[in-house]
């Protein structure tokens, strides 16, 4: 079984994914980290040196590779992954995967990203006052894909252990 977490950056996919994997005794894979290991460079470097089109093609190939693994996996996708190369269709057509959208408000995302902008190439150069509008525009564009998930769980104002418990119950 593959449990795939989707949602915008800073919604908690990696944090929640690791904790849920621990609780369910599944492997955990962060797709961006997986790509970095395979490509032997950071996502930022891939974008910079090879471009976004190359990155999206590789992202699609590695997603397909992970979906063929035989072990149980919690997979945290990059925020844009469901929106490119038919990836959301691929996930929904996969017989042993379940997608969960970690739905997060614009205000919560903006608050989280303000404190971690340096680690986020997509928003690193934005001024704080531009951040909310950038997030709102992106979420509007991406929500069509995110909302196709098998389940939607709102994570605003919830502690991580509460979210993990909610997901575990949902998946039982």
N, C-alpha and C. Protein backbone atom coordinates (compact mmCIF):
# COMPACT_ATOMS: atom_id res chain seq x y z
N UNK A 1 0.83 -1.19 0.00
CA UNK A 1 0.00 0.00 0.00
C UNK A 1 0.87 1.25 0.00
N UNK A 2 0.44 2.24 -0.76
CA UNK A 2 1.11 3.54 -0.81
C UNK A 2 0.12 4.59 -0.30
N UNK A 3 0.51 5.31 0.71
CA UNK A 3 -0.29 6.43 1.20
C UNK A 3 0.46 7.67 0.77
N UNK A 4 -0.19 8.47 -0.08
CA UNK A 4 0.47 9.59 -0.72
C UNK A 4 -0.10 10.90 -0.18
N UNK A 5 0.78 11.72 0.40
CA UNK A 5 0.37 13.00 0.97
C UNK A 5 0.62 14.10 -0.05
N UNK A 6 -0.43 14.86 -0.34
CA UNK A 6 -0.32 15.98 -1.28
C UNK A 6 -0.73 17.26 -0.57
N UNK A 7 -0.32 18.38 -1.14
CA UNK A 7 -0.67 19.68 -0.58
C UNK A 7 0.42 20.69 -0.86
N UNK A 8 0.13 21.93 -0.53
CA UNK A 8 1.05 23.02 -0.81
C UNK A 8 2.27 22.95 0.10
N UNK A 9 3.35 23.61 -0.31
CA UNK A 9 4.55 23.60 0.53
C UNK A 9 4.22 24.15 1.91
N UNK A 10 4.89 23.58 2.90
CA UNK A 10 4.74 23.96 4.31
C UNK A 10 3.42 23.52 4.93
N UNK A 11 2.70 22.60 4.27
CA UNK A 11 1.46 22.10 4.86
C UNK A 11 1.74 20.95 5.84
N UNK A 12 2.96 20.43 5.83
CA UNK A 12 3.33 19.39 6.78
C UNK A 12 3.47 18.00 6.21
N UNK A 13 3.54 17.87 4.89
CA UNK A 13 3.60 16.53 4.26
C UNK A 13 4.76 15.69 4.80
N UNK A 14 5.95 16.26 4.86
CA UNK A 14 7.13 15.49 5.30
C UNK A 14 7.07 15.19 6.80
N UNK A 15 6.73 16.18 7.58
CA UNK A 15 6.65 15.99 9.04
C UNK A 15 5.59 14.94 9.40
N UNK A 16 4.39 15.13 8.87
CA UNK A 16 3.27 14.23 9.14
C UNK A 16 3.59 12.84 8.56
N UNK A 17 4.14 12.82 7.36
CA UNK A 17 4.48 11.56 6.69
C UNK A 17 5.43 10.71 7.50
N UNK A 18 6.49 11.32 8.04
CA UNK A 18 7.46 10.57 8.85
C UNK A 18 6.79 9.97 10.09
N UNK A 19 5.98 10.78 10.75
CA UNK A 19 5.32 10.33 11.98
C UNK A 19 4.28 9.24 11.69
N UNK A 20 3.54 9.40 10.61
CA UNK A 20 2.54 8.40 10.24
C UNK A 20 3.22 7.08 9.84
N UNK A 21 4.33 7.19 9.13
CA UNK A 21 5.08 5.98 8.73
C UNK A 21 5.58 5.23 9.97
N UNK A 22 6.05 5.98 10.94
CA UNK A 22 6.52 5.38 12.19
C UNK A 22 5.37 4.64 12.88
N UNK A 23 4.23 5.29 12.97
CA UNK A 23 3.06 4.72 13.64
C UNK A 23 2.56 3.46 12.93
N UNK A 24 2.54 3.48 11.59
CA UNK A 24 2.01 2.36 10.81
C UNK A 24 3.08 1.32 10.47
N UNK A 25 4.33 1.60 10.84
CA UNK A 25 5.46 0.69 10.52
C UNK A 25 5.63 0.56 9.00
N UNK A 26 5.48 1.68 8.29
CA UNK A 26 5.69 1.77 6.85
C UNK A 26 7.03 2.45 6.60
N UNK A 27 7.55 2.32 5.39
CA UNK A 27 8.70 3.12 4.98
C UNK A 27 8.21 4.53 4.70
N UNK A 28 9.11 5.50 4.79
CA UNK A 28 8.75 6.87 4.44
C UNK A 28 9.66 7.35 3.32
N UNK A 29 9.06 7.97 2.30
CA UNK A 29 9.83 8.56 1.22
C UNK A 29 9.33 9.98 0.98
N UNK A 30 10.26 10.92 0.99
CA UNK A 30 9.97 12.29 0.58
C UNK A 30 10.42 12.37 -0.87
N UNK A 31 9.51 12.62 -1.79
CA UNK A 31 9.84 12.56 -3.22
C UNK A 31 10.99 13.50 -3.58
N UNK A 32 11.00 14.71 -3.04
CA UNK A 32 12.09 15.64 -3.35
C UNK A 32 13.44 15.08 -2.90
N UNK A 33 13.48 14.50 -1.70
CA UNK A 33 14.73 13.89 -1.22
C UNK A 33 15.14 12.71 -2.09
N UNK A 34 14.18 11.92 -2.52
CA UNK A 34 14.42 10.77 -3.39
C UNK A 34 15.05 11.24 -4.70
N UNK A 35 14.48 12.31 -5.26
CA UNK A 35 15.00 12.88 -6.51
C UNK A 35 16.43 13.38 -6.30
N UNK A 36 16.66 14.07 -5.19
CA UNK A 36 17.99 14.60 -4.90
C UNK A 36 19.03 13.48 -4.81
N UNK A 37 18.66 12.37 -4.17
CA UNK A 37 19.57 11.23 -4.07
C UNK A 37 19.87 10.64 -5.45
N UNK A 38 18.82 10.47 -6.25
CA UNK A 38 18.98 9.86 -7.58
C UNK A 38 19.78 10.77 -8.53
N UNK A 39 19.51 12.06 -8.45
CA UNK A 39 20.14 13.02 -9.37
C UNK A 39 21.48 13.56 -8.82
N UNK A 40 21.76 13.27 -7.57
CA UNK A 40 22.99 13.72 -6.90
C UNK A 40 23.16 15.25 -6.92
N UNK A 41 22.04 15.95 -6.78
CA UNK A 41 22.04 17.40 -6.60
C UNK A 41 20.71 17.82 -6.00
N UNK A 42 20.69 18.99 -5.39
CA UNK A 42 19.46 19.46 -4.75
C UNK A 42 18.42 19.85 -5.80
N UNK A 43 17.18 19.92 -5.37
CA UNK A 43 16.10 20.34 -6.27
C UNK A 43 16.42 21.73 -6.82
N UNK A 44 16.91 22.62 -5.97
CA UNK A 44 17.27 23.98 -6.43
C UNK A 44 18.32 23.92 -7.53
N UNK A 45 19.32 23.07 -7.34
CA UNK A 45 20.38 22.94 -8.35
C UNK A 45 19.84 22.36 -9.65
N UNK A 46 18.94 21.38 -9.54
CA UNK A 46 18.33 20.79 -10.75
C UNK A 46 17.59 21.87 -11.53
N UNK A 47 16.78 22.67 -10.82
CA UNK A 47 16.03 23.75 -11.46
C UNK A 47 17.00 24.73 -12.13
N UNK A 48 18.06 25.08 -11.40
CA UNK A 48 19.03 26.07 -11.87
C UNK A 48 19.85 25.56 -13.06
N UNK A 49 20.33 24.31 -12.98
CA UNK A 49 21.25 23.78 -14.00
C UNK A 49 20.56 23.10 -15.18
N UNK A 50 19.41 22.47 -14.90
CA UNK A 50 18.77 21.68 -15.96
C UNK A 50 17.37 22.17 -16.32
N UNK A 51 16.81 23.03 -15.49
CA UNK A 51 15.51 23.62 -15.78
C UNK A 51 14.33 22.84 -15.21
N UNK A 52 13.19 23.53 -15.16
CA UNK A 52 12.00 22.93 -14.56
C UNK A 52 11.45 21.78 -15.41
N UNK A 53 11.53 21.87 -16.73
CA UNK A 53 10.98 20.80 -17.57
C UNK A 53 11.73 19.49 -17.30
N UNK A 54 13.05 19.57 -17.23
CA UNK A 54 13.85 18.38 -16.90
C UNK A 54 13.42 17.84 -15.53
N UNK A 55 13.31 18.73 -14.54
CA UNK A 55 12.92 18.31 -13.20
C UNK A 55 11.57 17.59 -13.22
N UNK A 56 10.58 18.17 -13.90
CA UNK A 56 9.24 17.58 -13.92
C UNK A 56 9.24 16.21 -14.59
N UNK A 57 10.05 16.04 -15.62
CA UNK A 57 10.16 14.73 -16.28
C UNK A 57 10.75 13.69 -15.32
N UNK A 58 11.81 14.08 -14.63
CA UNK A 58 12.45 13.16 -13.68
C UNK A 58 11.52 12.86 -12.51
N UNK A 59 10.84 13.88 -12.04
CA UNK A 59 9.89 13.72 -10.94
C UNK A 59 8.84 12.67 -11.31
N UNK A 60 8.32 12.74 -12.53
CA UNK A 60 7.32 11.78 -13.01
C UNK A 60 7.90 10.36 -13.05
N UNK A 61 9.12 10.22 -13.58
CA UNK A 61 9.76 8.90 -13.65
C UNK A 61 9.98 8.31 -12.26
N UNK A 62 10.46 9.12 -11.33
CA UNK A 62 10.72 8.63 -9.97
C UNK A 62 9.43 8.32 -9.23
N UNK A 63 8.38 9.08 -9.48
CA UNK A 63 7.08 8.79 -8.87
C UNK A 63 6.60 7.41 -9.35
N UNK A 64 6.70 7.16 -10.65
CA UNK A 64 6.31 5.85 -11.19
C UNK A 64 7.15 4.74 -10.56
N UNK A 65 8.43 4.99 -10.39
CA UNK A 65 9.34 4.01 -9.79
C UNK A 65 8.90 3.67 -8.36
N UNK A 66 8.58 4.68 -7.59
CA UNK A 66 8.15 4.47 -6.19
C UNK A 66 6.83 3.69 -6.15
N UNK A 67 5.93 4.01 -7.06
CA UNK A 67 4.63 3.33 -7.07
C UNK A 67 4.74 1.84 -7.39
N UNK A 68 5.85 1.43 -7.99
CA UNK A 68 6.04 0.00 -8.29
C UNK A 68 6.72 -0.75 -7.15
N UNK A 69 7.17 -0.04 -6.12
CA UNK A 69 7.80 -0.72 -4.99
C UNK A 69 6.81 -1.66 -4.33
N UNK A 70 7.31 -2.76 -3.82
CA UNK A 70 6.42 -3.77 -3.22
C UNK A 70 6.10 -3.49 -1.74
N UNK A 71 6.94 -2.70 -1.08
CA UNK A 71 6.70 -2.47 0.35
C UNK A 71 5.68 -1.35 0.59
N UNK A 72 5.16 -1.32 1.81
CA UNK A 72 4.22 -0.28 2.22
C UNK A 72 4.99 1.02 2.43
N UNK A 73 4.46 2.11 1.85
CA UNK A 73 5.18 3.38 1.85
C UNK A 73 4.23 4.54 2.14
N UNK A 74 4.71 5.46 2.96
CA UNK A 74 4.07 6.77 3.07
C UNK A 74 4.94 7.67 2.20
N UNK A 75 4.33 8.33 1.22
CA UNK A 75 5.06 9.15 0.26
C UNK A 75 4.60 10.60 0.36
N UNK A 76 5.55 11.50 0.63
CA UNK A 76 5.26 12.93 0.65
C UNK A 76 5.69 13.51 -0.69
N UNK A 77 4.74 14.05 -1.44
CA UNK A 77 5.04 14.64 -2.74
C UNK A 77 5.49 16.08 -2.58
N UNK A 78 6.16 16.59 -3.62
CA UNK A 78 6.43 18.02 -3.69
C UNK A 78 5.11 18.73 -3.95
N UNK A 79 5.02 19.99 -3.58
CA UNK A 79 3.77 20.73 -3.74
C UNK A 79 3.24 20.76 -5.16
N UNK A 80 4.14 20.78 -6.16
CA UNK A 80 3.71 20.85 -7.55
C UNK A 80 3.52 19.51 -8.23
N UNK A 81 3.99 18.44 -7.61
CA UNK A 81 3.97 17.13 -8.25
C UNK A 81 2.61 16.73 -8.82
N UNK A 82 1.50 16.87 -8.08
CA UNK A 82 0.22 16.42 -8.62
C UNK A 82 -0.25 17.19 -9.86
N UNK A 83 0.36 18.36 -10.09
CA UNK A 83 -0.11 19.28 -11.13
C UNK A 83 0.56 19.08 -12.48
N UNK A 84 1.51 18.19 -12.58
CA UNK A 84 2.29 18.04 -13.81
C UNK A 84 2.31 16.60 -14.31
N UNK A 85 2.50 16.45 -15.62
CA UNK A 85 2.79 15.17 -16.28
C UNK A 85 1.75 14.07 -16.00
N UNK A 86 0.52 14.47 -15.71
CA UNK A 86 -0.51 13.48 -15.43
C UNK A 86 -0.28 12.72 -14.13
N UNK A 87 0.50 13.30 -13.21
CA UNK A 87 0.84 12.61 -11.97
C UNK A 87 -0.37 12.31 -11.10
N UNK A 88 -1.34 13.22 -11.04
CA UNK A 88 -2.51 12.97 -10.20
C UNK A 88 -3.32 11.81 -10.77
N UNK A 89 -3.45 11.76 -12.08
CA UNK A 89 -4.16 10.64 -12.72
C UNK A 89 -3.43 9.33 -12.42
N UNK A 90 -2.12 9.36 -12.52
CA UNK A 90 -1.30 8.18 -12.23
C UNK A 90 -1.57 7.67 -10.80
N UNK A 91 -1.63 8.59 -9.85
CA UNK A 91 -1.89 8.22 -8.45
C UNK A 91 -3.29 7.66 -8.28
N UNK A 92 -4.26 8.30 -8.89
CA UNK A 92 -5.65 7.87 -8.73
C UNK A 92 -5.92 6.53 -9.41
N UNK A 93 -5.17 6.24 -10.47
CA UNK A 93 -5.35 4.97 -11.19
C UNK A 93 -4.58 3.83 -10.54
N UNK A 94 -3.63 4.15 -9.68
CA UNK A 94 -2.83 3.13 -9.01
C UNK A 94 -3.72 2.35 -8.04
N UNK A 95 -3.73 1.03 -8.17
CA UNK A 95 -4.64 0.20 -7.39
C UNK A 95 -4.30 0.16 -5.89
N UNK A 96 -3.02 0.35 -5.56
CA UNK A 96 -2.67 0.25 -4.14
C UNK A 96 -2.20 1.56 -3.53
N UNK A 97 -2.68 2.69 -4.10
CA UNK A 97 -2.32 3.96 -3.47
C UNK A 97 -3.56 4.75 -3.07
N UNK A 98 -3.43 5.47 -1.98
CA UNK A 98 -4.47 6.33 -1.45
C UNK A 98 -3.87 7.71 -1.30
N UNK A 99 -4.55 8.72 -1.86
CA UNK A 99 -4.03 10.09 -1.76
C UNK A 99 -4.79 10.86 -0.69
N UNK A 100 -4.03 11.65 0.06
CA UNK A 100 -4.62 12.48 1.12
C UNK A 100 -4.11 13.90 0.94
N UNK A 101 -5.04 14.83 0.80
CA UNK A 101 -4.72 16.25 0.67
C UNK A 101 -4.68 16.86 2.07
N UNK A 102 -3.51 17.34 2.47
CA UNK A 102 -3.37 18.05 3.74
C UNK A 102 -3.72 19.52 3.46
N UNK A 103 -4.97 19.82 3.66
CA UNK A 103 -5.51 21.13 3.31
C UNK A 103 -5.13 22.16 4.38
N UNK A 104 -4.52 23.24 3.93
CA UNK A 104 -3.99 24.25 4.84
C UNK A 104 -4.38 25.63 4.33
N UNK A 105 -4.74 26.52 5.23
CA UNK A 105 -5.17 27.87 4.83
C UNK A 105 -3.98 28.70 4.34
N UNK A 106 -4.29 29.70 3.55
CA UNK A 106 -3.26 30.62 3.04
C UNK A 106 -2.53 31.28 4.20
N UNK A 107 -3.28 31.69 5.23
CA UNK A 107 -2.67 32.37 6.38
C UNK A 107 -1.67 31.46 7.10
N UNK A 108 -2.03 30.20 7.30
CA UNK A 108 -1.14 29.25 7.98
C UNK A 108 0.12 29.01 7.15
N UNK A 109 -0.06 28.82 5.84
CA UNK A 109 1.09 28.59 4.96
C UNK A 109 2.02 29.81 4.98
N UNK A 110 1.44 31.00 4.87
CA UNK A 110 2.24 32.24 4.86
C UNK A 110 3.03 32.36 6.16
N UNK A 111 2.39 32.07 7.27
CA UNK A 111 3.06 32.16 8.58
C UNK A 111 4.25 31.19 8.64
N UNK A 112 4.03 29.96 8.19
CA UNK A 112 5.10 28.95 8.20
C UNK A 112 6.23 29.32 7.24
N UNK A 113 5.87 29.77 6.05
CA UNK A 113 6.89 30.08 5.04
C UNK A 113 7.72 31.31 5.37
N UNK A 114 7.14 32.25 6.10
CA UNK A 114 7.88 33.44 6.49
C UNK A 114 9.12 33.07 7.28
N UNK A 115 8.99 32.07 8.13
CA UNK A 115 10.12 31.67 8.98
C UNK A 115 11.08 30.69 8.30
N UNK A 116 10.69 30.14 7.14
CA UNK A 116 11.59 29.17 6.49
C UNK A 116 11.80 29.49 5.01
N UNK A 117 11.70 30.76 4.65
CA UNK A 117 11.84 31.16 3.25
C UNK A 117 13.18 30.75 2.65
N UNK A 118 14.24 30.82 3.43
CA UNK A 118 15.58 30.52 2.91
C UNK A 118 15.70 29.09 2.39
N UNK A 119 14.95 28.15 2.95
CA UNK A 119 15.00 26.75 2.51
C UNK A 119 14.03 26.47 1.36
N UNK A 120 13.29 27.48 0.92
CA UNK A 120 12.26 27.30 -0.11
C UNK A 120 12.58 28.16 -1.33
N UNK A 121 13.24 27.57 -2.34
CA UNK A 121 13.67 28.35 -3.50
C UNK A 121 12.53 29.11 -4.20
N UNK A 122 11.35 28.54 -4.20
CA UNK A 122 10.22 29.15 -4.88
C UNK A 122 9.82 30.50 -4.28
N UNK A 123 10.03 30.66 -2.97
CA UNK A 123 9.60 31.89 -2.30
C UNK A 123 10.75 32.67 -1.66
N UNK A 124 11.96 32.17 -1.78
CA UNK A 124 13.11 32.78 -1.10
C UNK A 124 13.30 34.26 -1.44
N UNK A 125 13.01 34.63 -2.67
CA UNK A 125 13.26 36.01 -3.11
C UNK A 125 12.07 36.94 -2.90
N UNK A 126 10.94 36.39 -2.46
CA UNK A 126 9.75 37.22 -2.26
C UNK A 126 9.85 38.01 -0.96
N UNK A 127 9.34 39.25 -1.00
CA UNK A 127 9.22 40.02 0.24
C UNK A 127 8.01 39.46 1.00
N UNK A 128 8.02 39.59 2.31
CA UNK A 128 6.93 39.04 3.13
C UNK A 128 5.55 39.52 2.68
N UNK A 129 5.46 40.78 2.26
CA UNK A 129 4.17 41.32 1.83
C UNK A 129 3.70 40.73 0.49
N UNK A 130 4.59 40.12 -0.28
CA UNK A 130 4.22 39.47 -1.54
C UNK A 130 3.82 38.00 -1.34
N UNK A 131 4.20 37.46 -0.21
CA UNK A 131 4.05 36.03 0.04
C UNK A 131 2.59 35.57 -0.01
N UNK A 132 1.71 36.26 0.69
CA UNK A 132 0.31 35.85 0.76
C UNK A 132 -0.34 35.80 -0.62
N UNK A 133 -0.09 36.82 -1.43
CA UNK A 133 -0.67 36.85 -2.77
C UNK A 133 -0.11 35.72 -3.64
N UNK A 134 1.19 35.46 -3.52
CA UNK A 134 1.84 34.38 -4.27
C UNK A 134 1.21 33.03 -3.90
N UNK A 135 1.04 32.80 -2.60
CA UNK A 135 0.46 31.54 -2.12
C UNK A 135 -0.99 31.40 -2.61
N UNK A 136 -1.75 32.48 -2.49
CA UNK A 136 -3.16 32.45 -2.90
C UNK A 136 -3.28 32.10 -4.39
N UNK A 137 -2.44 32.70 -5.23
CA UNK A 137 -2.47 32.43 -6.67
C UNK A 137 -2.10 30.97 -6.94
N UNK A 138 -1.04 30.50 -6.32
CA UNK A 138 -0.59 29.12 -6.50
C UNK A 138 -1.64 28.12 -6.02
N UNK A 139 -2.19 28.36 -4.84
CA UNK A 139 -3.21 27.45 -4.30
C UNK A 139 -4.43 27.40 -5.21
N UNK A 140 -4.81 28.55 -5.75
CA UNK A 140 -5.94 28.60 -6.68
C UNK A 140 -5.66 27.70 -7.89
N UNK A 141 -4.44 27.81 -8.44
CA UNK A 141 -4.06 27.01 -9.62
C UNK A 141 -3.98 25.52 -9.29
N UNK A 142 -3.49 25.19 -8.11
CA UNK A 142 -3.21 23.80 -7.77
C UNK A 142 -4.36 23.06 -7.10
N UNK A 143 -5.31 23.81 -6.54
CA UNK A 143 -6.38 23.17 -5.77
C UNK A 143 -7.21 22.19 -6.60
N UNK A 144 -7.33 22.44 -7.90
CA UNK A 144 -8.04 21.51 -8.78
C UNK A 144 -7.44 20.10 -8.66
N UNK A 145 -6.13 20.01 -8.65
CA UNK A 145 -5.44 18.73 -8.55
C UNK A 145 -5.51 18.18 -7.13
N UNK A 146 -5.20 19.01 -6.15
CA UNK A 146 -5.21 18.57 -4.75
C UNK A 146 -6.58 18.00 -4.36
N UNK A 147 -7.64 18.67 -4.81
CA UNK A 147 -9.00 18.27 -4.42
C UNK A 147 -9.48 16.97 -5.05
N UNK A 148 -8.71 16.40 -5.97
CA UNK A 148 -9.05 15.10 -6.53
C UNK A 148 -8.61 13.95 -5.61
N UNK A 149 -7.89 14.29 -4.55
CA UNK A 149 -7.39 13.27 -3.61
C UNK A 149 -8.54 12.44 -3.06
N UNK A 150 -8.20 11.21 -2.65
CA UNK A 150 -9.21 10.32 -2.06
C UNK A 150 -9.77 10.90 -0.77
N UNK A 151 -8.91 11.57 0.01
CA UNK A 151 -9.33 12.16 1.28
C UNK A 151 -8.76 13.57 1.39
N UNK A 152 -9.49 14.42 2.12
CA UNK A 152 -9.02 15.78 2.42
C UNK A 152 -9.06 15.95 3.93
N UNK A 153 -7.94 16.37 4.49
CA UNK A 153 -7.87 16.58 5.93
C UNK A 153 -7.35 17.99 6.17
N UNK A 154 -8.14 18.80 6.86
CA UNK A 154 -7.72 20.16 7.18
C UNK A 154 -6.76 20.10 8.36
N UNK A 155 -5.61 20.75 8.22
CA UNK A 155 -4.57 20.65 9.25
C UNK A 155 -4.36 21.93 10.04
N UNK A 156 -5.05 23.00 9.69
CA UNK A 156 -4.90 24.27 10.42
C UNK A 156 -5.20 24.09 11.90
N UNK A 157 -4.39 24.74 12.72
CA UNK A 157 -4.60 24.78 14.18
C UNK A 157 -4.59 23.40 14.85
N UNK A 158 -4.05 22.39 14.18
CA UNK A 158 -3.98 21.06 14.79
C UNK A 158 -2.52 20.71 15.04
N UNK A 159 -2.26 20.08 16.16
CA UNK A 159 -0.91 19.60 16.46
C UNK A 159 -0.62 18.36 15.61
N UNK A 160 0.66 18.11 15.34
CA UNK A 160 1.04 17.01 14.45
C UNK A 160 0.51 15.66 14.95
N UNK A 161 0.59 15.41 16.27
CA UNK A 161 0.13 14.10 16.77
C UNK A 161 -1.37 13.92 16.56
N UNK A 162 -2.11 15.02 16.63
CA UNK A 162 -3.55 14.98 16.41
C UNK A 162 -3.85 14.64 14.92
N UNK A 163 -3.07 15.22 14.02
CA UNK A 163 -3.24 14.96 12.58
C UNK A 163 -2.90 13.50 12.27
N UNK A 164 -1.79 13.03 12.84
CA UNK A 164 -1.36 11.64 12.62
C UNK A 164 -2.44 10.67 13.11
N UNK A 165 -3.00 10.93 14.27
CA UNK A 165 -4.07 10.08 14.82
C UNK A 165 -5.29 10.11 13.90
N UNK A 166 -5.64 11.30 13.42
CA UNK A 166 -6.79 11.44 12.52
C UNK A 166 -6.56 10.65 11.22
N UNK A 167 -5.34 10.75 10.66
CA UNK A 167 -5.03 10.01 9.43
C UNK A 167 -5.02 8.51 9.66
N UNK A 168 -4.46 8.09 10.78
CA UNK A 168 -4.41 6.68 11.10
C UNK A 168 -5.81 6.09 11.23
N UNK A 169 -6.71 6.83 11.87
CA UNK A 169 -8.11 6.41 12.02
C UNK A 169 -8.78 6.35 10.64
N UNK A 170 -8.54 7.36 9.84
CA UNK A 170 -9.11 7.45 8.50
C UNK A 170 -8.69 6.26 7.63
N UNK A 171 -7.47 5.80 7.81
CA UNK A 171 -6.91 4.74 6.98
C UNK A 171 -7.17 3.33 7.54
N UNK A 172 -7.77 3.25 8.72
CA UNK A 172 -8.00 1.93 9.34
C UNK A 172 -9.19 1.21 8.73
